[in-house]
């Protein structure tokens, strides 16, 4: 049986920033997923539900692209969310073959519960960071996201 790595002692330098950013996101998501398990929703389903809540009317393909999910994985989540009556599929007015997704009133309550759980986790996750340093981190991550989106847009133009 292999020993679990000690996540507190992993060191990071400037060359490992990609790993650190991704790893923090992964651990944060894993912790939140554990906390919301009692609501009967998986981590992937939560991501899909929040994506639809923030972007009502998107198509399945658009959501798959936004979340970087394979269509079959998205379909499983959409099927479960629809069974729970948390999402609705509506025909696109311009093309009835295309289904646009929105969340239901019931789902708004679930989203609010998940947000509350998430908000309650933040002080623990961010402990040790003062407001000034936290704002710097937020600003720097936002700038990194902006740079990455710009690069992705340039790559799409080449394709």
Protein backbone atom coordinates (compact mmCIF):
# COMPACT_ATOMS: atom_id res chain seq x y z
CA UNK A 1 0.00 0.00 0.00
CA UNK A 2 1.50 3.34 -1.00
CA UNK A 3 1.83 6.20 1.46
CA UNK A 4 -0.27 9.31 0.75
CA UNK A 5 1.83 12.39 0.02
CA UNK A 6 1.89 15.09 2.70
CA UNK A 7 0.10 17.91 0.88
CA UNK A 8 1.21 20.48 3.47
CA UNK A 9 4.91 19.96 2.82
CA UNK A 10 4.90 20.02 -0.98
CA UNK A 11 7.12 22.90 -2.03
CA UNK A 12 6.50 25.07 -5.05
CA UNK A 13 8.67 27.47 -6.97
CA UNK A 14 7.92 29.76 -9.89
CA UNK A 15 8.36 26.89 -12.36
CA UNK A 16 5.57 24.93 -10.62
CA UNK A 17 2.97 27.71 -10.61
CA UNK A 18 0.72 25.87 -13.08
CA UNK A 19 0.74 22.81 -10.84
CA UNK A 20 0.09 24.88 -7.71
CA UNK A 21 -2.85 26.80 -9.21
CA UNK A 22 -4.42 23.60 -10.58
CA UNK A 23 -3.77 21.68 -7.35
CA UNK A 24 -5.34 24.37 -5.16
CA UNK A 25 -8.40 24.33 -7.42
CA UNK A 26 -8.58 20.54 -7.32
CA UNK A 27 -8.30 20.39 -3.52
CA UNK A 28 -10.83 23.20 -3.06
CA UNK A 29 -13.27 21.41 -5.38
CA UNK A 30 -12.67 18.07 -3.62
CA UNK A 31 -13.41 19.64 -0.22
CA UNK A 32 -16.58 21.34 -1.46
CA UNK A 33 -17.73 18.13 -3.16
CA UNK A 34 -17.35 16.27 0.14
CA UNK A 35 -19.41 18.92 1.92
CA UNK A 36 -22.26 18.91 -0.65
CA UNK A 37 -22.50 15.13 -0.96
CA UNK A 38 -25.45 15.14 1.50
CA UNK A 39 -27.44 17.22 -1.02
CA UNK A 40 -27.40 14.30 -3.47
CA UNK A 41 -25.32 16.06 -6.11
CA UNK A 42 -21.92 15.06 -7.47
CA UNK A 43 -19.10 17.48 -8.16
CA UNK A 44 -19.61 17.30 -11.92
CA UNK A 45 -23.35 17.82 -11.56
CA UNK A 46 -22.65 20.84 -9.35
CA UNK A 47 -20.33 22.33 -11.98
CA UNK A 48 -22.95 21.78 -14.70
CA UNK A 49 -25.76 23.21 -12.56
CA UNK A 50 -23.74 26.34 -11.70
CA UNK A 51 -22.72 26.78 -15.33
CA UNK A 52 -26.36 26.71 -16.41
CA UNK A 53 -27.36 29.02 -13.54
CA UNK A 54 -24.73 31.58 -14.58
CA UNK A 55 -25.38 31.15 -18.32
CA UNK A 56 -29.08 30.41 -18.85
CA UNK A 57 -30.05 29.42 -22.36
CA UNK A 58 -26.74 27.86 -23.39
CA UNK A 59 -26.79 24.68 -25.43
CA UNK A 60 -25.37 21.34 -24.35
CA UNK A 61 -22.40 21.80 -26.67
CA UNK A 62 -21.65 25.25 -25.27
CA UNK A 63 -21.77 23.92 -21.71
CA UNK A 64 -19.52 20.98 -22.59
CA UNK A 65 -17.00 23.42 -24.08
CA UNK A 66 -17.15 25.82 -21.14
CA UNK A 67 -16.61 23.04 -18.61
CA UNK A 68 -14.20 21.04 -20.76
CA UNK A 69 -16.39 17.94 -20.42
CA UNK A 70 -16.79 15.09 -22.86
CA UNK A 71 -20.35 15.01 -24.26
CA UNK A 72 -21.14 11.60 -22.73
CA UNK A 73 -20.09 12.80 -19.26
CA UNK A 74 -22.19 15.93 -19.66
CA UNK A 75 -25.19 13.89 -20.80
CA UNK A 76 -25.08 11.72 -17.67
CA UNK A 77 -25.07 14.83 -15.49
CA UNK A 78 -27.82 16.52 -17.51
CA UNK A 79 -29.98 13.40 -17.31
CA UNK A 80 -29.65 13.28 -13.51
CA UNK A 81 -30.26 17.01 -13.15
CA UNK A 82 -33.36 16.69 -15.32
CA UNK A 83 -34.62 13.70 -13.28
CA UNK A 84 -34.19 15.81 -10.14
CA UNK A 85 -36.22 18.53 -11.89
CA UNK A 86 -33.32 20.95 -11.47
CA UNK A 87 -32.97 21.84 -15.16
CA UNK A 88 -35.25 22.32 -18.15
CA UNK A 89 -34.46 21.76 -21.81
CA UNK A 90 -36.20 24.15 -24.19
CA UNK A 91 -36.07 24.19 -27.96
CA UNK A 92 -34.05 26.99 -29.50
CA UNK A 93 -36.44 29.38 -31.27
CA UNK A 94 -34.25 29.39 -34.40
CA UNK A 95 -33.55 25.64 -34.54
CA UNK A 96 -35.91 23.26 -32.74
CA UNK A 97 -33.27 20.47 -32.83
CA UNK A 98 -31.08 22.48 -30.45
CA UNK A 99 -31.93 22.37 -26.75
CA UNK A 100 -31.22 25.38 -24.53
CA UNK A 101 -30.84 24.77 -20.81
CA UNK A 102 -32.14 26.70 -17.81
CA UNK A 103 -32.43 25.88 -14.12
CA UNK A 104 -35.73 25.50 -12.30
CA UNK A 105 -37.04 27.24 -9.18
CA UNK A 106 -36.17 24.10 -7.21
CA UNK A 107 -32.61 24.27 -8.49
CA UNK A 108 -32.27 27.89 -7.35
CA UNK A 109 -32.74 26.60 -3.79
CA UNK A 110 -30.07 23.92 -4.29
CA UNK A 111 -27.66 26.48 -5.79
CA UNK A 112 -28.28 28.74 -2.76
CA UNK A 113 -27.52 25.85 -0.36
CA UNK A 114 -24.30 24.99 -2.21
CA UNK A 115 -23.27 28.65 -2.24
CA UNK A 116 -23.85 28.88 1.51
CA UNK A 117 -21.73 25.78 2.12
CA UNK A 118 -19.03 27.23 -0.14
CA UNK A 119 -19.16 30.60 1.62
CA UNK A 120 -18.76 28.86 4.98
CA UNK A 121 -15.62 27.07 3.71
CA UNK A 122 -13.88 30.20 2.44
CA UNK A 123 -12.74 31.57 5.83
CA UNK A 124 -11.07 28.24 6.63
CA UNK A 125 -9.46 27.96 3.20
CA UNK A 126 -8.28 31.56 3.20
CA UNK A 127 -7.13 31.67 6.82
CA UNK A 128 -3.72 33.26 7.21
CA UNK A 129 -4.24 35.62 4.28
CA UNK A 130 -4.91 39.21 5.20
CA UNK A 131 -7.32 41.26 3.08
CA UNK A 132 -4.52 43.10 1.29
CA UNK A 133 -2.70 39.90 0.30
CA UNK A 134 -5.94 38.21 -0.65
CA UNK A 135 -6.84 41.08 -2.98
CA UNK A 136 -3.39 40.82 -4.60
CA UNK A 137 -3.91 37.08 -5.16
CA UNK A 138 -7.35 37.72 -6.68
CA UNK A 139 -6.01 40.43 -8.96
CA UNK A 140 -3.09 38.31 -10.10
CA UNK A 141 -5.26 35.26 -10.79
CA UNK A 142 -7.71 37.44 -12.73
CA UNK A 143 -4.82 38.78 -14.82
CA UNK A 144 -3.56 35.24 -15.45
CA UNK A 145 -7.06 34.21 -16.56
CA UNK A 146 -7.22 37.21 -18.89
CA UNK A 147 -3.84 36.29 -20.43
CA UNK A 148 -4.87 32.66 -20.91
CA UNK A 149 -8.19 33.60 -22.52
CA UNK A 150 -6.32 35.92 -24.89
CA UNK A 151 -3.92 33.12 -25.85
CA UNK A 152 -6.79 30.67 -26.35
CA UNK A 153 -8.59 33.15 -28.60
CA UNK A 154 -5.43 33.49 -30.71
CA UNK A 155 -5.15 29.68 -30.97
CA UNK A 156 -8.79 29.42 -32.07
CA UNK A 157 -8.18 32.00 -34.81
CA UNK A 158 -5.34 29.84 -36.16
CA UNK A 159 -7.53 26.72 -36.27
